[in-house]
Amino acid sequence: MNQGVRWQSPFSDPFGTGMVYRLFDVGGVPYAVGFEEILTMHDLNSKGIDILSVYPNFRFSSNGVWAVVFDEIEPTIMDFKGFQHVQHTGLLGGKVLLNVASIIYDHYTLCHAGTYVFSAANDPQYLRQTDLADIYNGLLGLGGKPKSRLFGRLQGWEAFSDVATGGRGYVVTTQSY
């Protein structure tokens, strides 16, 4: 696993339980991308990700499996705001995605994670014009779409999802898998 990684600024690990995060700001809105190391299949399933249904040969890499969370934060208490839709004007939504992709790459550069897992948040108020699952499928080249250049620096990655079977989970394996 990645117990030997020393998380230095701009990453922070004050929680001490395998969660590290990095902050950024777009258009005056503070965000955090958090990474939590997943050690067992039970832990992975508890995140709502049933990867074995779409990738039966999945195995835990010796380089680690990390859950990725991303949301607007309440900076005074350093907590996520519940994964609600944030309305952006112009190209700010793209800047947010670019920051998230860059932070994932920086995390990978430090620890060479074998796998990243995440889920597309639901939109119970129907505020998004496009479902996050559709956005993620497009970025990851799923559903017959080409891979986005957004993750171009992360060589050798492959994406899998349980969206087609009713889930909202994603697994991205890296060249370190």
N, C-alpha and C. Protein backbone atom coordinates (compact mmCIF):
# COMPACT_ATOMS: atom_id res chain seq x y z
N MET A 1 0.83 -1.18 0.00
CA MET A 1 0.00 0.00 0.00
C MET A 1 0.88 1.25 0.00
N ASN A 2 0.28 2.38 0.23
CA ASN A 2 0.99 3.65 0.09
C ASN A 2 1.33 4.28 1.43
N GLN A 3 1.64 3.49 2.42
CA GLN A 3 1.89 4.05 3.73
C GLN A 3 3.17 4.86 3.80
N GLY A 4 4.06 4.70 2.82
CA GLY A 4 5.30 5.44 2.83
C GLY A 4 5.21 6.81 2.18
N VAL A 5 4.06 7.15 1.63
CA VAL A 5 3.91 8.44 0.96
C VAL A 5 3.84 9.54 2.01
N ARG A 6 4.65 10.56 1.81
CA ARG A 6 4.59 11.74 2.68
C ARG A 6 3.81 12.81 1.94
N TRP A 7 2.64 13.14 2.46
CA TRP A 7 1.77 14.11 1.79
C TRP A 7 2.22 15.51 2.18
N GLN A 8 2.69 16.23 1.19
CA GLN A 8 3.17 17.58 1.41
C GLN A 8 2.26 18.56 0.69
N SER A 9 2.34 19.80 1.09
CA SER A 9 1.54 20.86 0.47
C SER A 9 1.75 20.82 -1.04
N PRO A 10 0.71 20.94 -1.81
CA PRO A 10 -0.64 21.39 -1.48
C PRO A 10 -1.60 20.30 -1.03
N PHE A 11 -1.13 19.05 -0.86
CA PHE A 11 -1.98 18.01 -0.28
C PHE A 11 -1.91 18.12 1.23
N SER A 12 -2.95 17.68 1.89
CA SER A 12 -3.00 17.72 3.34
C SER A 12 -3.65 16.44 3.85
N ASP A 13 -3.20 15.96 5.00
CA ASP A 13 -3.77 14.74 5.56
C ASP A 13 -4.04 14.87 7.07
N PRO A 14 -4.74 15.91 7.49
CA PRO A 14 -4.95 16.10 8.93
C PRO A 14 -5.89 15.09 9.56
N PHE A 15 -6.66 14.35 8.75
CA PHE A 15 -7.63 13.42 9.30
C PHE A 15 -6.96 12.15 9.81
N GLY A 16 -5.80 11.79 9.25
CA GLY A 16 -5.02 10.68 9.75
C GLY A 16 -5.63 9.30 9.56
N THR A 17 -6.65 9.18 8.75
CA THR A 17 -7.31 7.88 8.56
C THR A 17 -7.27 7.45 7.11
N GLY A 18 -6.22 7.80 6.41
CA GLY A 18 -6.12 7.42 5.01
C GLY A 18 -6.77 8.42 4.07
N MET A 19 -7.29 9.53 4.57
CA MET A 19 -7.91 10.56 3.72
C MET A 19 -6.94 11.72 3.55
N VAL A 20 -6.64 12.04 2.31
CA VAL A 20 -5.87 13.23 2.00
C VAL A 20 -6.72 14.08 1.08
N TYR A 21 -6.47 15.38 1.08
CA TYR A 21 -7.25 16.23 0.21
C TYR A 21 -6.41 17.38 -0.30
N ARG A 22 -6.97 18.05 -1.30
CA ARG A 22 -6.34 19.24 -1.85
C ARG A 22 -7.44 20.24 -2.17
N LEU A 23 -7.19 21.48 -1.82
CA LEU A 23 -8.16 22.55 -2.02
C LEU A 23 -7.88 23.31 -3.30
N PHE A 24 -8.94 23.87 -3.89
CA PHE A 24 -8.78 24.82 -4.98
C PHE A 24 -10.01 25.71 -5.02
N ASP A 25 -9.93 26.78 -5.78
CA ASP A 25 -10.99 27.77 -5.87
C ASP A 25 -11.23 28.11 -7.33
N VAL A 26 -12.49 28.15 -7.72
CA VAL A 26 -12.85 28.58 -9.07
C VAL A 26 -14.00 29.57 -8.95
N GLY A 27 -13.81 30.76 -9.46
CA GLY A 27 -14.86 31.77 -9.44
C GLY A 27 -15.32 32.14 -8.04
N GLY A 28 -14.41 32.09 -7.09
CA GLY A 28 -14.75 32.42 -5.71
C GLY A 28 -15.42 31.30 -4.93
N VAL A 29 -15.56 30.13 -5.53
CA VAL A 29 -16.17 28.98 -4.86
C VAL A 29 -15.07 28.01 -4.44
N PRO A 30 -14.96 27.71 -3.13
CA PRO A 30 -13.92 26.78 -2.67
C PRO A 30 -14.35 25.32 -2.87
N TYR A 31 -13.42 24.50 -3.32
CA TYR A 31 -13.65 23.08 -3.55
C TYR A 31 -12.54 22.27 -2.90
N ALA A 32 -12.82 20.99 -2.71
CA ALA A 32 -11.79 20.05 -2.26
C ALA A 32 -11.93 18.77 -3.06
N VAL A 33 -10.79 18.18 -3.36
CA VAL A 33 -10.74 16.83 -3.92
C VAL A 33 -10.10 15.98 -2.83
N GLY A 34 -10.84 14.98 -2.37
CA GLY A 34 -10.36 14.10 -1.31
C GLY A 34 -10.04 12.72 -1.86
N PHE A 35 -9.06 12.08 -1.26
CA PHE A 35 -8.63 10.73 -1.64
C PHE A 35 -8.61 9.87 -0.38
N GLU A 36 -9.37 8.78 -0.41
CA GLU A 36 -9.40 7.86 0.73
C GLU A 36 -8.94 6.49 0.25
N GLU A 37 -7.94 5.95 0.91
CA GLU A 37 -7.43 4.64 0.51
C GLU A 37 -8.45 3.55 0.86
N ILE A 38 -8.75 2.69 -0.11
CA ILE A 38 -9.69 1.59 0.05
C ILE A 38 -8.87 0.31 0.17
N LEU A 39 -9.07 -0.43 1.25
CA LEU A 39 -8.23 -1.59 1.52
C LEU A 39 -8.88 -2.94 1.21
N THR A 40 -10.21 -3.00 1.18
CA THR A 40 -10.89 -4.28 0.98
C THR A 40 -12.05 -4.14 0.00
N MET A 41 -12.50 -5.27 -0.52
CA MET A 41 -13.66 -5.27 -1.40
C MET A 41 -14.90 -4.80 -0.64
N HIS A 42 -15.00 -5.14 0.62
CA HIS A 42 -16.12 -4.66 1.44
C HIS A 42 -16.13 -3.13 1.49
N ASP A 43 -14.95 -2.53 1.69
CA ASP A 43 -14.86 -1.07 1.71
C ASP A 43 -15.29 -0.48 0.37
N LEU A 44 -14.89 -1.13 -0.71
CA LEU A 44 -15.26 -0.66 -2.04
C LEU A 44 -16.77 -0.75 -2.24
N ASN A 45 -17.37 -1.87 -1.85
CA ASN A 45 -18.81 -2.04 -1.99
C ASN A 45 -19.58 -1.05 -1.12
N SER A 46 -19.02 -0.70 0.04
CA SER A 46 -19.70 0.26 0.92
C SER A 46 -19.75 1.66 0.30
N LYS A 47 -18.91 1.90 -0.70
CA LYS A 47 -18.94 3.17 -1.44
C LYS A 47 -19.99 3.13 -2.55
N GLY A 48 -20.71 2.00 -2.66
CA GLY A 48 -21.74 1.87 -3.68
C GLY A 48 -21.20 1.47 -5.04
N ILE A 49 -20.00 0.91 -5.06
CA ILE A 49 -19.38 0.55 -6.33
C ILE A 49 -19.28 -0.97 -6.41
N ASP A 50 -20.02 -1.56 -7.34
CA ASP A 50 -20.03 -3.01 -7.54
C ASP A 50 -19.27 -3.32 -8.82
N ILE A 51 -17.96 -3.17 -8.77
CA ILE A 51 -17.14 -3.30 -9.97
C ILE A 51 -17.14 -4.72 -10.52
N LEU A 52 -17.30 -5.71 -9.67
CA LEU A 52 -17.25 -7.09 -10.15
C LEU A 52 -18.38 -7.42 -11.12
N SER A 53 -19.46 -6.65 -11.07
CA SER A 53 -20.57 -6.90 -12.00
C SER A 53 -20.20 -6.52 -13.43
N VAL A 54 -19.27 -5.59 -13.61
CA VAL A 54 -18.88 -5.17 -14.96
C VAL A 54 -17.42 -5.47 -15.28
N TYR A 55 -16.63 -5.79 -14.28
CA TYR A 55 -15.22 -6.11 -14.48
C TYR A 55 -14.87 -7.26 -13.53
N PRO A 56 -15.31 -8.49 -13.88
CA PRO A 56 -15.14 -9.64 -12.98
C PRO A 56 -13.69 -9.95 -12.62
N ASN A 57 -12.74 -9.54 -13.43
CA ASN A 57 -11.33 -9.83 -13.15
C ASN A 57 -10.65 -8.78 -12.28
N PHE A 58 -11.43 -7.82 -11.76
CA PHE A 58 -10.83 -6.77 -10.93
C PHE A 58 -10.14 -7.38 -9.72
N ARG A 59 -8.96 -6.84 -9.42
CA ARG A 59 -8.21 -7.25 -8.24
C ARG A 59 -7.62 -5.99 -7.60
N PHE A 60 -7.33 -6.08 -6.34
CA PHE A 60 -6.72 -4.96 -5.65
C PHE A 60 -5.24 -4.91 -6.01
N SER A 61 -4.81 -3.79 -6.51
CA SER A 61 -3.43 -3.58 -6.90
C SER A 61 -2.56 -3.37 -5.67
N SER A 62 -1.33 -3.83 -5.73
CA SER A 62 -0.40 -3.57 -4.63
C SER A 62 -0.08 -2.08 -4.53
N ASN A 63 -0.39 -1.32 -5.58
CA ASN A 63 -0.17 0.12 -5.55
C ASN A 63 -1.35 0.89 -5.00
N GLY A 64 -2.38 0.19 -4.57
CA GLY A 64 -3.47 0.84 -3.86
C GLY A 64 -4.67 1.20 -4.71
N VAL A 65 -5.79 1.26 -4.01
CA VAL A 65 -7.07 1.68 -4.57
C VAL A 65 -7.51 2.90 -3.77
N TRP A 66 -7.82 3.98 -4.47
CA TRP A 66 -8.20 5.22 -3.80
C TRP A 66 -9.57 5.69 -4.26
N ALA A 67 -10.44 5.97 -3.29
CA ALA A 67 -11.73 6.59 -3.59
C ALA A 67 -11.50 8.09 -3.74
N VAL A 68 -12.12 8.67 -4.75
CA VAL A 68 -11.99 10.11 -5.00
C VAL A 68 -13.34 10.76 -4.71
N VAL A 69 -13.33 11.80 -3.88
CA VAL A 69 -14.52 12.60 -3.65
C VAL A 69 -14.19 14.04 -4.01
N PHE A 70 -15.18 14.73 -4.51
CA PHE A 70 -14.97 16.10 -4.95
C PHE A 70 -16.26 16.87 -4.71
N ASP A 71 -16.14 18.05 -4.12
CA ASP A 71 -17.34 18.85 -3.86
C ASP A 71 -16.92 20.26 -3.46
N GLU A 72 -17.91 21.13 -3.49
CA GLU A 72 -17.77 22.44 -2.89
C GLU A 72 -17.63 22.21 -1.38
N ILE A 73 -16.85 23.05 -0.72
CA ILE A 73 -16.66 22.87 0.72
C ILE A 73 -17.09 24.10 1.49
N GLU A 74 -17.33 23.87 2.75
CA GLU A 74 -17.53 24.93 3.72
C GLU A 74 -16.17 25.11 4.39
N PRO A 75 -15.41 26.16 4.00
CA PRO A 75 -14.02 26.25 4.44
C PRO A 75 -13.82 26.46 5.93
N THR A 76 -14.80 27.03 6.61
CA THR A 76 -14.60 27.28 8.04
C THR A 76 -14.61 25.99 8.85
N ILE A 77 -15.31 24.97 8.36
CA ILE A 77 -15.34 23.70 9.08
C ILE A 77 -14.70 22.57 8.27
N MET A 78 -14.17 22.90 7.09
CA MET A 78 -13.50 21.93 6.22
C MET A 78 -14.36 20.70 5.99
N ASP A 79 -15.57 20.93 5.51
CA ASP A 79 -16.47 19.82 5.25
C ASP A 79 -17.13 20.01 3.89
N PHE A 80 -17.43 18.89 3.25
CA PHE A 80 -18.12 18.93 1.98
C PHE A 80 -19.55 19.41 2.18
N LYS A 81 -20.15 19.98 1.13
CA LYS A 81 -21.48 20.57 1.23
C LYS A 81 -22.60 19.65 0.76
N GLY A 82 -22.37 18.37 0.70
CA GLY A 82 -23.45 17.45 0.39
C GLY A 82 -23.59 17.07 -1.07
N PHE A 83 -22.59 17.40 -1.87
CA PHE A 83 -22.55 16.98 -3.27
C PHE A 83 -23.76 17.47 -4.06
N GLN A 84 -24.14 18.71 -3.82
CA GLN A 84 -25.24 19.34 -4.54
C GLN A 84 -24.71 20.03 -5.80
N HIS A 85 -25.60 20.29 -6.73
CA HIS A 85 -25.21 20.96 -7.97
C HIS A 85 -24.75 22.39 -7.67
N VAL A 86 -23.67 22.79 -8.32
CA VAL A 86 -23.16 24.16 -8.24
C VAL A 86 -23.30 24.76 -9.63
N GLN A 87 -24.06 25.84 -9.73
CA GLN A 87 -24.28 26.49 -11.03
C GLN A 87 -23.05 27.33 -11.40
N HIS A 88 -22.56 27.14 -12.62
CA HIS A 88 -21.40 27.89 -13.10
C HIS A 88 -21.79 28.69 -14.33
N THR A 89 -21.14 29.83 -14.49
CA THR A 89 -21.37 30.63 -15.68
C THR A 89 -20.19 30.44 -16.63
N GLY A 90 -20.47 30.58 -17.90
CA GLY A 90 -19.41 30.51 -18.91
C GLY A 90 -18.64 29.21 -18.85
N LEU A 91 -17.32 29.36 -18.83
CA LEU A 91 -16.43 28.20 -18.86
C LEU A 91 -15.97 27.73 -17.48
N LEU A 92 -16.58 28.26 -16.42
CA LEU A 92 -16.11 27.91 -15.08
C LEU A 92 -16.29 26.43 -14.76
N GLY A 93 -17.34 25.80 -15.27
CA GLY A 93 -17.52 24.36 -15.05
C GLY A 93 -16.36 23.56 -15.62
N GLY A 94 -15.89 23.97 -16.79
CA GLY A 94 -14.73 23.31 -17.40
C GLY A 94 -13.48 23.52 -16.59
N LYS A 95 -13.33 24.72 -15.99
CA LYS A 95 -12.16 24.98 -15.14
C LYS A 95 -12.19 24.09 -13.90
N VAL A 96 -13.38 23.86 -13.36
CA VAL A 96 -13.50 22.97 -12.21
C VAL A 96 -13.03 21.57 -12.59
N LEU A 97 -13.53 21.05 -13.71
CA LEU A 97 -13.13 19.71 -14.16
C LEU A 97 -11.63 19.63 -14.43
N LEU A 98 -11.07 20.68 -15.02
CA LEU A 98 -9.63 20.71 -15.29
C LEU A 98 -8.84 20.65 -13.98
N ASN A 99 -9.28 21.38 -12.97
CA ASN A 99 -8.62 21.34 -11.66
C ASN A 99 -8.69 19.95 -11.05
N VAL A 100 -9.87 19.33 -11.11
CA VAL A 100 -10.03 17.99 -10.53
C VAL A 100 -9.10 17.00 -11.24
N ALA A 101 -9.08 17.03 -12.57
CA ALA A 101 -8.21 16.12 -13.33
C ALA A 101 -6.74 16.36 -12.99
N SER A 102 -6.34 17.61 -12.86
CA SER A 102 -4.96 17.94 -12.54
C SER A 102 -4.58 17.43 -11.15
N ILE A 103 -5.50 17.55 -10.21
CA ILE A 103 -5.24 17.09 -8.84
C ILE A 103 -5.14 15.57 -8.80
N ILE A 104 -5.98 14.88 -9.55
CA ILE A 104 -5.88 13.42 -9.62
C ILE A 104 -4.52 13.02 -10.19
N TYR A 105 -4.09 13.71 -11.23
CA TYR A 105 -2.78 13.42 -11.81
C TYR A 105 -1.67 13.67 -10.79
N ASP A 106 -1.74 14.78 -10.07
CA ASP A 106 -0.73 15.08 -9.06
C ASP A 106 -0.71 14.01 -7.97
N HIS A 107 -1.88 13.54 -7.56
CA HIS A 107 -1.96 12.47 -6.57
C HIS A 107 -1.29 11.21 -7.12
N TYR A 108 -1.60 10.88 -8.36
CA TYR A 108 -1.00 9.71 -8.99
C TYR A 108 0.53 9.84 -9.06
N THR A 109 1.02 11.02 -9.38
CA THR A 109 2.45 11.25 -9.49
C THR A 109 3.16 10.97 -8.16
N LEU A 110 2.49 11.26 -7.05
CA LEU A 110 3.08 11.03 -5.74
C LEU A 110 3.02 9.58 -5.29
N CYS A 111 1.90 8.89 -5.57
CA CYS A 111 1.75 7.55 -4.97
C CYS A 111 1.59 6.42 -5.99
N HIS A 112 1.49 6.74 -7.27
CA HIS A 112 1.36 5.72 -8.33
C HIS A 112 0.23 4.74 -8.04
N ALA A 113 -0.92 5.27 -7.66
CA ALA A 113 -2.09 4.44 -7.35
C ALA A 113 -2.41 3.52 -8.51
N GLY A 114 -2.84 2.31 -8.19
CA GLY A 114 -3.23 1.36 -9.22
C GLY A 114 -4.64 1.62 -9.73
N THR A 115 -5.49 2.13 -8.84
CA THR A 115 -6.90 2.29 -9.18
C THR A 115 -7.49 3.49 -8.46
N TYR A 116 -8.38 4.20 -9.15
CA TYR A 116 -9.20 5.25 -8.55
C TYR A 116 -10.65 4.84 -8.72
N VAL A 117 -11.46 5.05 -7.68
CA VAL A 117 -12.89 4.75 -7.75
C VAL A 117 -13.67 5.98 -7.31
N PHE A 118 -14.84 6.17 -7.89
CA PHE A 118 -15.70 7.28 -7.51
C PHE A 118 -17.11 7.01 -8.00
N SER A 119 -18.04 7.83 -7.55
CA SER A 119 -19.43 7.72 -7.96
C SER A 119 -19.92 9.05 -8.48
N ALA A 120 -20.87 8.99 -9.39
CA ALA A 120 -21.54 10.20 -9.88
C ALA A 120 -22.67 10.53 -8.90
N ALA A 121 -22.63 11.71 -8.31
CA ALA A 121 -23.66 12.10 -7.35
C ALA A 121 -25.02 12.20 -8.04
N ASN A 122 -26.05 11.84 -7.29
CA ASN A 122 -27.42 12.02 -7.78
C ASN A 122 -27.80 13.49 -7.76
N ASP A 123 -28.81 13.84 -8.50
CA ASP A 123 -29.34 15.20 -8.54
C ASP A 123 -30.83 15.15 -8.21
N PRO A 124 -31.17 14.98 -6.92
CA PRO A 124 -32.58 14.80 -6.57
C PRO A 124 -33.47 16.01 -6.88
N GLN A 125 -32.89 17.20 -6.98
CA GLN A 125 -33.68 18.39 -7.32
C GLN A 125 -33.71 18.66 -8.82
N TYR A 126 -33.03 17.83 -9.61
CA TYR A 126 -32.98 17.97 -11.07
C TYR A 126 -32.50 19.36 -11.49
N LEU A 127 -31.42 19.81 -10.88
CA LEU A 127 -30.85 21.12 -11.19
C LEU A 127 -29.85 21.07 -12.33
N ARG A 128 -29.28 19.90 -12.58
CA ARG A 128 -28.29 19.77 -13.65
C ARG A 128 -28.98 19.56 -14.99
N GLN A 129 -28.46 20.22 -16.01
CA GLN A 129 -28.99 19.99 -17.35
C GLN A 129 -28.55 18.63 -17.87
N THR A 130 -27.37 18.19 -17.47
CA THR A 130 -26.83 16.90 -17.89
C THR A 130 -26.44 16.10 -16.65
N ASP A 131 -26.88 14.86 -16.58
CA ASP A 131 -26.56 14.00 -15.45
C ASP A 131 -25.04 13.82 -15.36
N LEU A 132 -24.52 13.83 -14.13
CA LEU A 132 -23.08 13.64 -13.95
C LEU A 132 -22.60 12.32 -14.55
N ALA A 133 -23.43 11.29 -14.51
CA ALA A 133 -23.04 10.00 -15.10
C ALA A 133 -22.78 10.16 -16.60
N ASP A 134 -23.60 10.96 -17.28
CA ASP A 134 -23.37 11.20 -18.71
C ASP A 134 -22.09 11.99 -18.94
N ILE A 135 -21.82 12.96 -18.07
CA ILE A 135 -20.59 13.75 -18.18
C ILE A 135 -19.38 12.85 -17.96
N TYR A 136 -19.41 12.05 -16.88
CA TYR A 136 -18.29 11.16 -16.59
C TYR A 136 -18.10 10.12 -17.68
N ASN A 137 -19.19 9.56 -18.21
CA ASN A 137 -19.07 8.59 -19.30
C ASN A 137 -18.36 9.23 -20.49
N GLY A 138 -18.70 10.47 -20.81
CA GLY A 138 -18.05 11.16 -21.91
C GLY A 138 -16.58 11.42 -21.66
N LEU A 139 -16.25 11.85 -20.44
CA LEU A 139 -14.85 12.13 -20.11
C LEU A 139 -13.99 10.87 -20.11
N LEU A 140 -14.61 9.75 -19.71
CA LEU A 140 -13.86 8.50 -19.56
C LEU A 140 -13.92 7.61 -20.79
N GLY A 141 -14.62 8.05 -21.82
CA GLY A 141 -14.69 7.25 -23.04
C GLY A 141 -15.55 6.02 -22.92
N LEU A 142 -16.60 6.10 -22.13
CA LEU A 142 -17.51 4.97 -21.96
C LEU A 142 -18.75 5.18 -22.82
N GLY A 143 -19.47 4.11 -23.07
CA GLY A 143 -20.69 4.22 -23.87
C GLY A 143 -20.41 4.56 -25.32
N GLY A 144 -19.27 4.10 -25.84
CA GLY A 144 -18.94 4.35 -27.24
C GLY A 144 -18.35 5.71 -27.53
N LYS A 145 -18.07 6.49 -26.50
CA LYS A 145 -17.49 7.83 -26.69
C LYS A 145 -15.97 7.75 -26.60
N PRO A 146 -15.26 8.63 -27.30
CA PRO A 146 -13.79 8.63 -27.20
C PRO A 146 -13.35 9.19 -25.84
N LYS A 147 -12.19 8.75 -25.37
CA LYS A 147 -11.63 9.27 -24.12
C LYS A 147 -11.36 10.76 -24.27
N SER A 148 -11.63 11.49 -23.22
CA SER A 148 -11.33 12.92 -23.19
C SER A 148 -9.83 13.14 -23.06
N ARG A 149 -9.36 14.24 -23.59
CA ARG A 149 -7.95 14.61 -23.42
C ARG A 149 -7.69 15.17 -22.03
N LEU A 150 -8.75 15.35 -21.24
CA LEU A 150 -8.61 15.91 -19.90
C LEU A 150 -7.65 15.09 -19.04
N PHE A 151 -7.63 13.77 -19.26
CA PHE A 151 -6.74 12.90 -18.49
C PHE A 151 -5.56 12.43 -19.33
N GLY A 152 -5.17 13.20 -20.32
CA GLY A 152 -4.11 12.82 -21.24
C GLY A 152 -2.77 12.55 -20.58
N ARG A 153 -2.48 13.24 -19.48
CA ARG A 153 -1.19 13.03 -18.80
C ARG A 153 -1.15 11.72 -18.02
N LEU A 154 -2.31 11.14 -17.74
CA LEU A 154 -2.39 9.89 -16.99
C LEU A 154 -2.36 8.73 -17.98
N GLN A 155 -1.15 8.30 -18.31
CA GLN A 155 -0.95 7.29 -19.35
C GLN A 155 -1.46 5.92 -18.92
N GLY A 156 -1.96 5.14 -19.88
CA GLY A 156 -2.30 3.74 -19.67
C GLY A 156 -3.53 3.48 -18.82
N TRP A 157 -4.44 4.42 -18.72
CA TRP A 157 -5.61 4.21 -17.87
C TRP A 157 -6.76 3.59 -18.65
N GLU A 158 -7.59 2.85 -17.92
CA GLU A 158 -8.80 2.26 -18.47
C GLU A 158 -9.93 2.50 -17.48
N ALA A 159 -11.12 2.76 -18.01
CA ALA A 159 -12.27 3.05 -17.17
C ALA A 159 -13.33 1.97 -17.29
N PHE A 160 -14.01 1.73 -16.17
CA PHE A 160 -15.11 0.78 -16.10
C PHE A 160 -16.22 1.42 -15.28
N SER A 161 -17.46 1.08 -15.57
CA SER A 161 -18.58 1.66 -14.83
C SER A 161 -19.72 0.67 -14.72
N ASP A 162 -20.49 0.81 -13.66
CA ASP A 162 -21.70 0.01 -13.51
C ASP A 162 -22.96 0.80 -13.85
N VAL A 163 -22.79 1.94 -14.53
CA VAL A 163 -23.93 2.79 -14.89
C VAL A 163 -24.92 2.04 -15.78
N ALA A 164 -24.42 1.24 -16.71
CA ALA A 164 -25.31 0.52 -17.63
C ALA A 164 -26.20 -0.49 -16.90
N THR A 165 -25.79 -0.91 -15.71
CA THR A 165 -26.59 -1.87 -14.94
C THR A 165 -27.34 -1.18 -13.80
N GLY A 166 -27.46 0.16 -13.87
CA GLY A 166 -28.23 0.90 -12.88
C GLY A 166 -27.43 1.54 -11.77
N GLY A 167 -26.11 1.34 -11.76
CA GLY A 167 -25.27 1.94 -10.72
C GLY A 167 -24.79 3.32 -11.12
N ARG A 168 -23.94 3.89 -10.29
CA ARG A 168 -23.35 5.21 -10.57
C ARG A 168 -21.86 5.20 -10.25
N GLY A 169 -21.28 4.00 -10.18
CA GLY A 169 -19.89 3.85 -9.78
C GLY A 169 -18.94 3.74 -10.95
N TYR A 170 -17.71 4.20 -10.72
CA TYR A 170 -16.66 4.18 -11.73
C TYR A 170 -15.38 3.64 -11.11
N VAL A 171 -14.63 2.91 -11.91
CA VAL A 171 -13.31 2.43 -11.53
C VAL A 171 -12.37 2.77 -12.68
N VAL A 172 -11.27 3.43 -12.36
CA VAL A 172 -10.26 3.78 -13.36
C VAL A 172 -8.96 3.13 -12.93
N THR A 173 -8.46 2.20 -13.76
CA THR A 173 -7.18 1.58 -13.48
C THR A 173 -6.10 2.37 -14.21
N THR A 174 -4.92 2.44 -13.60
CA THR A 174 -3.81 3.19 -14.17
C THR A 174 -2.75 2.22 -14.69
N GLN A 175 -1.70 2.76 -15.27
CA GLN A 175 -0.61 1.89 -15.73
C GLN A 175 0.09 1.22 -14.56
N SER A 176 -0.13 1.68 -13.34
CA SER A 176 0.44 1.06 -12.14
C SER A 176 -0.43 -0.06 -11.59
N TYR A 177 -1.53 -0.35 -12.27
CA TYR A 177 -2.45 -1.41 -11.84
C TYR A 177 -1.78 -2.74 -12.03
